[in-house]
Amino acid sequence: MKHLRLFLLCLLLMGWGASAQTTREELLSNMPLTAGNYAAYPTPTGHITPAPAGYEPFYITHYGRHGSRYMTSDKAYKRLNKQLDSALTLGLLTEYGKDVRNRIILATHDAKGRAGTLTTLGARQHKAIARRMFDNYPSLMQEPLTVTANATTSGRVIKSMENFCEELAILNPSYQITTAAREEDHVYLKANKAIVLPEAPLDDELYHKLKKFRKKMMTWSPQMESMFTDVKQAQSFIDPYTFADDMDNVAADMYCLPELRINFDDVLGEEGMINGFRSYNAAWCLWEGLMPGSKKSYYRIYPLLQNFLDEADKVIADGGKALRLRFGHDSVVLPFAFALGFPEATGATDDMENLHLTFSIFRLIPMGANIQWVFFRKKGSKDILVKFLMNENETAIPIKTNCYPYYHWKDVEAYYRKMIEDAHLVYEN
């Protein structure tokens, strides 16, 4: 029977991996996914596997990315406005080009002074995540819990934390909620850059390969060319790569601002949108050290893993119930999911042309992305169970279990503490 359970688990994970692949047909049927890490937070499946008989939740520990936001810089807007203004002055804009320019002007005006700030959609996303957490675990969440939350000092992250906690306070006024946003907590809320990364001989080669791949992906679409009466003259003062990249970023950020009803997908076209996704998909994979042969940048989130382990142990030892919330960035959620061994995050390859078939950032770090560990215990038993959620959906870790998606805490803790120990982390200071 034991071997049968393990066999069935393997089949389940194999099936999950297949479903996690991204096909062209999937993207064409849902083009907003091509926004990648700008994509709006998806509604989770809603499937919750009942805990083994007698087990009840007593602790949830969480790390979440801020919600939908404005672009963190207005550089793309400034470049596009300058270039399109010059083209207009030179008489190079077609009627379609003038229409695109007018849309850029409207989006620029709306974004003025709001670089990096949380949007209305971003606030709604965190309220909804809080509400589902409350609804999914009523035996825990209806208790008068101590809720501890902290955030990086980024304004959009603080606002995300506030919206999440405000919703919780409405749902259960008995919560004792404490919040903080302190730089000293950045040692685990952000990638800890004091950690020295081991040398990776292939890293430079991979970055050179990425540069060539992105140049290939970020080219002018037929629609972009139709913006100008003389494409060759326009490209004499407009860099094709930068222009396409800026348009891709602006188009993606419009998904964070649905109330504007401004869209630039037509400027990119289906091919351009898919290629923009493939470009940033490969970039994020390499930036965070998930690509084979690259520097292990994900080592820098091991302090966060350590924090998860240590704080869980404290709650378990105290015998109480609690909720622990942390708020930060996609640059932490992505490598954290990889370090934990989630199947969504472990399909990386250095084959950038086909990387999107096994690794997709929109599944991992959409706006509002989060990782949750939910702990369960049974009266009269010392066995603690824990399950893992990626964007509120149950997921797997590379440890054997006889009760998937639940894992025995003693096995989980031993595995991850050994992983940290084996990394032999070295700090600059």
Protein backbone atom coordinates (compact mmCIF):
# COMPACT_ATOMS: atom_id res chain seq x y z
CA MET A 1 0.00 0.00 0.00
CA LYS A 2 2.86 2.37 0.86
CA HIS A 3 4.46 1.84 -2.56
CA LEU A 4 1.10 2.36 -4.24
CA ARG A 5 0.67 5.73 -2.49
CA LEU A 6 4.14 6.87 -3.58
CA PHE A 7 3.45 5.70 -7.13
CA LEU A 8 0.18 7.65 -7.23
CA LEU A 9 1.98 10.71 -5.86
CA CYS A 10 4.55 10.49 -8.64
CA LEU A 11 1.79 10.30 -11.23
CA LEU A 12 0.13 13.33 -9.67
CA LEU A 13 3.31 15.39 -9.78
CA MET A 14 4.07 14.30 -13.34
CA GLY A 15 0.62 15.41 -14.37
CA TRP A 16 1.03 18.71 -12.57
CA GLY A 17 4.31 19.33 -14.37
CA ALA A 18 2.67 18.71 -17.73
CA SER A 19 -0.16 21.11 -16.92
CA ALA A 20 2.36 23.76 -15.89
CA GLN A 21 3.78 23.94 -19.40
CA THR A 22 2.94 27.05 -21.39
CA THR A 23 1.81 26.48 -24.93
CA ARG A 24 1.34 29.02 -27.67
CA GLU A 25 -2.35 28.09 -27.72
CA GLU A 26 -2.67 28.94 -24.02
CA LEU A 27 -1.13 32.37 -24.54
CA LEU A 28 -3.22 33.10 -27.61
CA SER A 29 -6.38 32.23 -25.68
CA ASN A 30 -5.39 34.44 -22.73
CA MET A 31 -3.10 37.22 -23.96
CA PRO A 32 -2.98 39.05 -20.59
CA LEU A 33 -0.73 36.21 -19.40
CA THR A 34 1.98 37.59 -21.68
CA ALA A 35 2.32 40.48 -19.21
CA GLY A 36 4.43 38.04 -17.17
CA ASN A 37 5.28 39.55 -13.79
CA TYR A 38 2.89 42.43 -14.59
CA ALA A 39 0.00 39.98 -14.98
CA ALA A 40 -2.94 40.48 -12.65
CA TYR A 41 -3.26 38.04 -9.78
CA PRO A 42 -5.23 34.99 -10.92
CA THR A 43 -8.18 33.54 -9.04
CA PRO A 44 -6.93 30.35 -7.33
CA THR A 45 -8.49 27.02 -8.16
CA GLY A 46 -10.41 26.94 -4.89
CA HIS A 47 -9.54 23.28 -4.33
CA ILE A 48 -8.59 22.54 -0.71
CA THR A 49 -7.69 18.98 0.22
CA PRO A 50 -9.19 18.09 3.62
CA ALA A 51 -6.60 17.53 6.32
CA PRO A 52 -6.21 14.01 7.71
CA ALA A 53 -8.80 13.13 10.34
CA GLY A 54 -8.43 15.06 13.56
CA TYR A 55 -5.93 17.65 12.28
CA GLU A 56 -6.80 21.33 12.61
CA PRO A 57 -4.92 24.43 11.36
CA PHE A 58 -3.12 26.46 14.02
CA TYR A 59 -0.58 28.62 12.17
CA ILE A 60 -0.22 30.27 8.77
CA THR A 61 3.08 31.84 7.75
CA HIS A 62 3.22 33.88 4.54
CA TYR A 63 5.30 35.97 2.17
CA GLY A 64 3.53 38.07 -0.44
CA ARG A 65 4.49 40.37 -3.26
CA HIS A 66 2.86 43.79 -3.45
CA GLY A 67 -0.20 44.09 -5.66
CA SER A 68 -0.54 45.69 -9.10
CA ARG A 69 1.42 48.92 -9.42
CA TYR A 70 2.53 51.67 -11.73
CA MET A 71 5.89 51.17 -13.42
CA THR A 72 8.70 51.85 -10.98
CA SER A 73 10.17 54.52 -13.27
CA ASP A 74 8.85 56.98 -15.84
CA LYS A 75 11.89 56.48 -18.11
CA ALA A 76 9.93 54.46 -20.67
CA TYR A 77 7.25 57.16 -20.87
CA LYS A 78 9.85 59.92 -21.26
CA ARG A 79 11.67 58.09 -24.04
CA LEU A 80 8.50 57.22 -25.94
CA ASN A 81 7.14 60.76 -25.70
CA LYS A 82 10.41 62.29 -26.86
CA GLN A 83 10.75 59.89 -29.78
CA LEU A 84 7.15 60.19 -30.92
CA ASP A 85 7.23 63.98 -30.56
CA SER A 86 10.32 64.08 -32.79
CA ALA A 87 8.65 61.80 -35.31
CA LEU A 88 5.58 64.05 -35.33
CA THR A 89 7.71 67.16 -35.87
CA LEU A 90 9.46 65.47 -38.79
CA GLY A 91 6.15 64.41 -40.30
CA LEU A 92 6.95 60.72 -39.85
CA LEU A 93 3.84 59.64 -37.93
CA THR A 94 0.97 57.98 -39.76
CA GLU A 95 -2.58 58.40 -38.49
CA TYR A 96 -2.11 55.18 -36.57
CA GLY A 97 1.16 56.52 -35.16
CA LYS A 98 -0.62 59.68 -34.00
CA ASP A 99 -3.26 57.55 -32.29
CA VAL A 100 -0.60 55.56 -30.41
CA ARG A 101 1.13 58.81 -29.43
CA ASN A 102 -2.13 60.19 -28.04
CA ARG A 103 -2.59 57.06 -25.93
CA ILE A 104 0.98 57.35 -24.65
CA ILE A 105 0.29 60.96 -23.65
CA LEU A 106 -2.82 59.90 -21.70
CA ALA A 107 -0.99 57.07 -19.91
CA THR A 108 1.94 59.37 -19.15
CA HIS A 109 -0.34 61.99 -17.64
CA ASP A 110 -2.02 59.41 -15.42
CA ALA A 111 1.34 57.99 -14.26
CA LYS A 112 2.88 61.38 -13.42
CA GLY A 113 4.18 61.37 -9.86
CA ARG A 114 2.97 57.81 -9.26
CA ALA A 115 6.03 55.73 -10.17
CA GLY A 116 5.92 52.43 -8.31
CA THR A 117 2.75 53.21 -6.36
CA LEU A 118 0.04 50.64 -5.69
CA THR A 119 -2.97 50.84 -7.98
CA THR A 120 -6.60 50.39 -7.04
CA LEU A 121 -6.44 46.87 -8.47
CA GLY A 122 -3.40 46.14 -6.31
CA ALA A 123 -5.32 47.09 -3.17
CA ARG A 124 -8.24 44.87 -4.18
CA GLN A 125 -5.95 41.92 -4.78
CA HIS A 126 -4.64 41.90 -1.22
CA LYS A 127 -8.07 42.35 0.30
CA ALA A 128 -9.27 39.36 -1.71
CA ILE A 129 -6.31 37.18 -0.67
CA ALA A 130 -6.96 38.04 2.98
CA ARG A 131 -10.65 37.25 2.58
CA ARG A 132 -9.96 33.85 1.03
CA MET A 133 -7.47 33.02 3.78
CA PHE A 134 -10.18 33.81 6.33
CA ASP A 135 -12.79 31.74 4.48
CA ASN A 136 -10.54 28.76 3.78
CA TYR A 137 -9.42 28.16 7.37
CA PRO A 138 -12.38 29.20 9.56
CA SER A 139 -11.42 27.09 12.60
CA LEU A 140 -8.21 29.11 12.85
CA MET A 141 -9.15 32.47 11.40
CA GLN A 142 -12.23 32.94 13.57
CA GLU A 143 -10.05 32.78 16.69
CA PRO A 144 -8.77 35.97 18.43
CA LEU A 145 -5.35 35.59 16.82
CA THR A 146 -2.14 37.51 17.21
CA VAL A 147 -1.30 38.74 13.71
CA THR A 148 2.24 39.92 13.08
CA ALA A 149 2.93 41.65 9.76
CA ASN A 150 5.95 43.42 8.37
CA ALA A 151 6.94 44.88 5.04
CA THR A 152 9.89 46.34 3.22
CA THR A 153 10.05 50.13 3.29
CA SER A 154 8.69 50.41 -0.26
CA GLY A 155 5.46 52.43 -0.32
CA ARG A 156 3.58 49.94 -2.53
CA VAL A 157 4.57 47.10 -0.22
CA ILE A 158 3.45 48.98 2.89
CA LYS A 159 0.13 49.79 1.23
CA SER A 160 -0.31 46.13 0.29
CA MET A 161 0.25 45.12 3.90
CA GLU A 162 -2.19 47.75 5.10
CA ASN A 163 -4.94 46.61 2.73
CA PHE A 164 -4.43 42.97 3.71
CA CYS A 165 -4.53 43.75 7.44
CA GLU A 166 -7.46 46.16 7.14
CA GLU A 167 -9.52 43.41 5.51
CA LEU A 168 -8.57 40.98 8.27
CA ALA A 169 -9.58 43.51 10.93
CA ILE A 170 -13.00 43.86 9.32
CA LEU A 171 -13.45 40.10 9.14
CA ASN A 172 -12.38 39.54 12.75
CA PRO A 173 -12.18 42.64 14.99
CA SER A 174 -10.70 40.52 17.81
CA TYR A 175 -7.35 40.19 16.03
CA GLN A 176 -4.35 41.76 17.74
CA ILE A 177 -2.56 43.09 14.64
CA THR A 178 0.90 44.63 14.70
CA THR A 179 2.57 45.99 11.57
CA ALA A 180 6.04 47.31 10.85
CA ALA A 181 8.17 48.45 7.92
CA ARG A 182 11.80 48.67 9.00
CA GLU A 183 15.04 48.58 7.08
CA GLU A 184 16.57 46.16 9.60
CA ASP A 185 14.06 43.54 8.44
CA HIS A 186 15.38 43.79 4.87
CA VAL A 187 18.00 41.17 5.77
CA TYR A 188 15.30 38.54 5.19
CA LEU A 189 12.42 40.43 3.50
CA LYS A 190 14.64 41.21 0.51
CA ALA A 191 17.49 39.35 -1.16
CA ASN A 192 20.37 39.64 1.31
CA LYS A 193 23.18 41.06 -0.80
CA ALA A 194 25.70 40.61 2.01
CA ILE A 195 25.73 36.90 1.09
CA VAL A 196 28.67 36.13 -1.20
CA LEU A 197 27.63 34.02 -4.18
CA PRO A 198 29.87 31.14 -5.31
CA GLU A 199 31.57 31.63 -8.65
CA ALA A 200 29.71 30.30 -11.68
CA PRO A 201 31.96 29.96 -14.77
CA LEU A 202 28.99 29.90 -17.16
CA ASP A 203 27.31 33.00 -15.76
CA ASP A 204 28.89 35.53 -18.15
CA GLU A 205 28.21 33.26 -21.11
CA LEU A 206 24.56 32.96 -20.10
CA TYR A 207 24.16 36.73 -19.81
CA HIS A 208 25.71 37.17 -23.26
CA LYS A 209 23.28 34.56 -24.58
CA LEU A 210 20.37 36.33 -22.86
CA LYS A 211 21.33 39.67 -24.43
CA LYS A 212 21.26 38.14 -27.91
CA PHE A 213 17.98 36.35 -27.21
CA ARG A 214 16.28 39.49 -25.94
CA LYS A 215 17.47 41.50 -28.96
CA LYS A 216 15.92 38.82 -31.14
CA MET A 217 12.63 38.85 -29.22
CA MET A 218 12.25 42.61 -28.82
CA THR A 219 11.94 43.74 -32.42
CA TRP A 220 9.51 46.06 -34.19
CA SER A 221 6.20 44.43 -34.95
CA PRO A 222 4.43 45.16 -38.26
CA GLN A 223 2.12 47.40 -36.24
CA MET A 224 5.04 49.44 -34.93
CA GLU A 225 6.38 49.85 -38.44
CA SER A 226 2.95 51.03 -39.60
CA MET A 227 3.22 53.91 -37.11
CA PHE A 228 5.81 55.62 -39.33
CA THR A 229 5.76 56.87 -42.92
CA ASP A 230 9.47 56.09 -43.26
CA VAL A 231 10.60 53.30 -40.93
CA LYS A 232 14.27 53.59 -41.88
CA GLN A 233 14.37 57.30 -41.10
CA ALA A 234 12.50 56.76 -37.83
CA GLN A 235 15.02 54.13 -36.77
CA SER A 236 17.85 56.57 -37.40
CA PHE A 237 16.95 58.27 -34.09
CA ILE A 238 14.80 55.57 -32.41
CA ASP A 239 16.62 52.47 -31.17
CA PRO A 240 14.43 49.52 -32.28
CA TYR A 241 15.18 47.34 -29.24
CA THR A 242 14.61 50.05 -26.65
CA PHE A 243 11.44 51.24 -28.38
CA ALA A 244 9.98 47.72 -28.50
CA ASP A 245 11.00 47.07 -24.88
CA ASP A 246 9.44 50.33 -23.68
CA MET A 247 6.22 49.61 -25.56
CA ASP A 248 6.14 46.12 -24.05
CA ASN A 249 6.50 47.51 -20.51
CA VAL A 250 3.84 50.18 -21.02
CA ALA A 251 1.45 47.65 -22.55
CA ALA A 252 2.03 45.24 -19.65
CA ASP A 253 1.49 47.93 -17.02
CA MET A 254 -1.92 48.77 -18.47
CA TYR A 255 -3.10 45.46 -17.00
CA CYS A 256 -2.45 47.03 -13.59
CA LEU A 257 -4.78 49.92 -14.49
CA PRO A 258 -7.96 48.47 -16.02
CA GLU A 259 -9.93 51.56 -15.06
CA LEU A 260 -7.91 53.64 -17.58
CA ARG A 261 -9.24 51.55 -20.46
CA ILE A 262 -6.03 52.23 -22.38
CA ASN A 263 -4.52 49.34 -24.27
CA PHE A 264 -1.35 48.97 -26.35
CA ASP A 265 -1.62 45.29 -27.25
CA ASP A 266 -2.39 46.25 -30.84
CA VAL A 267 1.00 47.99 -31.11
CA LEU A 268 2.82 44.80 -30.19
CA GLY A 269 0.54 42.34 -31.95
CA GLU A 270 0.15 38.75 -30.79
CA GLU A 271 3.67 37.79 -31.83
CA GLY A 272 5.17 40.83 -30.16
CA MET A 273 3.30 40.19 -26.90
CA ILE A 274 4.36 36.55 -26.81
CA ASN A 275 7.96 37.44 -27.63
CA GLY A 276 7.98 40.12 -24.95
CA PHE A 277 6.86 37.51 -22.43
CA ARG A 278 9.54 35.08 -23.61
CA SER A 279 12.17 37.80 -23.27
CA TYR A 280 11.34 38.66 -19.67
CA ASN A 281 10.66 35.04 -18.77
CA ALA A 282 14.25 34.15 -19.68
CA ALA A 283 15.61 37.29 -18.02
CA TRP A 284 13.94 36.61 -14.67
CA CYS A 285 15.05 33.00 -14.74
CA LEU A 286 18.68 34.06 -15.15
CA TRP A 287 18.55 37.14 -12.90
CA GLU A 288 17.44 35.01 -9.95
CA GLY A 289 19.98 32.26 -10.58
CA LEU A 290 17.45 29.58 -11.51
CA MET A 291 19.05 28.78 -14.87
CA PRO A 292 21.54 25.87 -14.80
CA GLY A 293 25.10 27.22 -14.77
CA SER A 294 24.19 30.67 -13.43
CA LYS A 295 25.21 32.21 -10.11
CA LYS A 296 23.06 30.89 -7.29
CA SER A 297 21.39 34.20 -6.53
CA TYR A 298 18.61 32.35 -4.70
CA TYR A 299 21.08 31.77 -1.83
CA ARG A 300 20.30 35.36 -0.86
CA ILE A 301 16.77 34.43 0.20
CA TYR A 302 17.94 31.66 2.55
CA PRO A 303 17.64 34.10 5.50
CA LEU A 304 13.91 34.27 4.68
CA LEU A 305 13.71 30.47 4.74
CA GLN A 306 15.57 30.51 8.05
CA ASN A 307 13.03 33.02 9.37
CA PHE A 308 10.12 30.81 8.29
CA LEU A 309 11.65 27.80 10.04
CA ASP A 310 12.62 29.59 13.26
CA GLU A 311 9.30 31.37 13.71
CA ALA A 312 7.35 28.18 13.02
CA ASP A 313 9.34 26.37 15.67
CA LYS A 314 8.55 29.09 18.18
CA VAL A 315 4.79 28.91 17.54
CA ILE A 316 4.88 25.11 17.77
CA ALA A 317 6.82 25.24 21.05
CA ASP A 318 4.43 27.83 22.50
CA GLY A 319 1.45 25.65 21.66
CA GLY A 320 -0.64 28.60 20.53
CA LYS A 321 -2.22 29.85 17.32
CA ALA A 322 -0.97 32.71 15.15
CA LEU A 323 -0.82 34.34 11.75
CA ARG A 324 2.48 35.67 10.37
CA LEU A 325 2.51 37.94 7.31
CA ARG A 326 5.46 39.32 5.35
CA PHE A 327 5.25 41.63 2.34
CA GLY A 328 7.89 42.29 -0.28
CA HIS A 329 8.74 41.76 -3.92
CA ASP A 330 8.74 39.39 -6.90
CA SER A 331 12.53 39.21 -6.66
CA VAL A 332 12.00 37.25 -3.43
CA VAL A 333 8.90 35.20 -4.24
CA LEU A 334 10.48 33.70 -7.37
CA PRO A 335 13.76 32.43 -5.86
CA PHE A 336 11.93 31.41 -2.68
CA ALA A 337 9.60 29.15 -4.70
CA PHE A 338 12.66 27.70 -6.43
CA ALA A 339 14.54 27.11 -3.18
CA LEU A 340 11.50 25.36 -1.72
CA GLY A 341 11.46 23.07 -4.75
CA PHE A 342 7.97 23.94 -5.97
CA PRO A 343 7.39 22.24 -9.34
CA GLU A 344 6.12 25.55 -10.78
CA ALA A 345 9.61 27.01 -10.27
CA THR A 346 11.94 24.14 -11.09
CA GLY A 347 11.52 23.77 -14.84
CA ALA A 348 14.41 26.09 -15.73
CA THR A 349 16.72 25.36 -18.64
CA ASP A 350 19.38 27.33 -20.51
CA ASP A 351 17.46 26.68 -23.75
CA MET A 352 15.98 30.17 -23.87
CA GLU A 353 14.09 29.50 -27.08
CA ASN A 354 11.98 26.85 -25.34
CA LEU A 355 12.22 27.90 -21.70
CA HIS A 356 8.61 29.08 -21.64
CA LEU A 357 7.47 25.50 -22.27
CA THR A 358 8.60 24.46 -18.78
CA PHE A 359 8.96 27.71 -16.81
CA SER A 360 6.55 30.66 -16.79
CA ILE A 361 6.80 33.72 -14.56
CA PHE A 362 3.09 34.50 -14.82
CA ARG A 363 2.45 31.28 -12.84
CA LEU A 364 4.93 32.36 -10.17
CA ILE A 365 5.15 36.12 -9.79
CA PRO A 366 2.02 37.86 -11.01
CA MET A 367 1.13 40.98 -9.07
CA GLY A 368 0.17 39.92 -5.53
CA ALA A 369 2.05 36.59 -5.77
CA ASN A 370 2.41 34.80 -2.46
CA ILE A 371 3.68 31.69 -0.72
CA GLN A 372 1.90 30.29 2.31
CA TRP A 373 2.71 27.46 4.70
CA VAL A 374 -0.30 26.19 6.66
CA PHE A 375 0.37 24.14 9.81
CA PHE A 376 -1.94 21.51 11.34
CA ARG A 377 -1.89 19.53 14.57
CA LYS A 378 -3.96 16.80 16.18
CA LYS A 379 -4.94 16.63 19.82
CA GLY A 380 -2.91 13.98 21.63
CA SER A 381 -0.31 13.73 18.84
CA LYS A 382 3.12 15.33 18.53
CA ASP A 383 3.03 14.99 14.75
CA ILE A 384 2.75 18.37 13.02
CA LEU A 385 1.64 18.55 9.40
CA VAL A 386 2.26 21.40 6.97
CA LYS A 387 1.11 22.09 3.44
CA PHE A 388 2.47 24.57 0.91
CA LEU A 389 0.55 27.02 -1.26
CA MET A 390 1.82 28.82 -4.35
CA ASN A 391 -0.55 31.70 -5.09
CA GLU A 392 -3.08 29.96 -2.84
CA ASN A 393 -2.96 26.70 -4.78
CA GLU A 394 -1.68 23.54 -3.12
CA THR A 395 1.72 22.50 -4.40
CA ALA A 396 4.47 19.97 -3.81
CA ILE A 397 7.96 19.98 -2.33
CA PRO A 398 10.71 17.40 -3.02
CA ILE A 399 10.08 15.35 0.12
CA LYS A 400 8.28 12.01 0.42
CA THR A 401 4.95 12.04 2.21
CA ASN A 402 2.17 9.59 2.86
CA CYS A 403 -0.53 12.29 3.00
CA TYR A 404 0.03 14.71 0.08
CA PRO A 405 -0.43 17.70 -0.03
CA TYR A 406 0.39 17.50 3.67
CA TYR A 407 3.94 16.86 4.86
CA HIS A 408 5.33 15.89 8.25
CA TRP A 409 7.00 18.94 9.78
CA LYS A 410 9.89 16.95 11.22
CA ASP A 411 10.81 15.85 7.68
CA VAL A 412 10.30 19.31 6.19
CA GLU A 413 12.36 21.09 8.81
CA ALA A 414 15.21 18.59 8.62
CA TYR A 415 15.31 18.89 4.83
CA TYR A 416 15.40 22.68 4.66
CA ARG A 417 17.78 23.18 7.59
CA LYS A 418 20.21 20.77 5.95
CA MET A 419 19.80 22.63 2.65
CA ILE A 420 20.79 25.89 4.35
CA GLU A 421 23.69 24.22 6.13
CA ASP A 422 24.97 22.62 2.92
CA ALA A 423 25.01 26.03 1.19
CA HIS A 424 27.86 27.16 3.51
CA LEU A 425 26.73 30.77 3.27
CA VAL A 426 29.45 33.39 3.48
CA TYR A 427 28.67 37.01 4.41
CA GLU A 428 30.76 40.01 3.34
CA ASN A 429 30.53 41.61 6.78
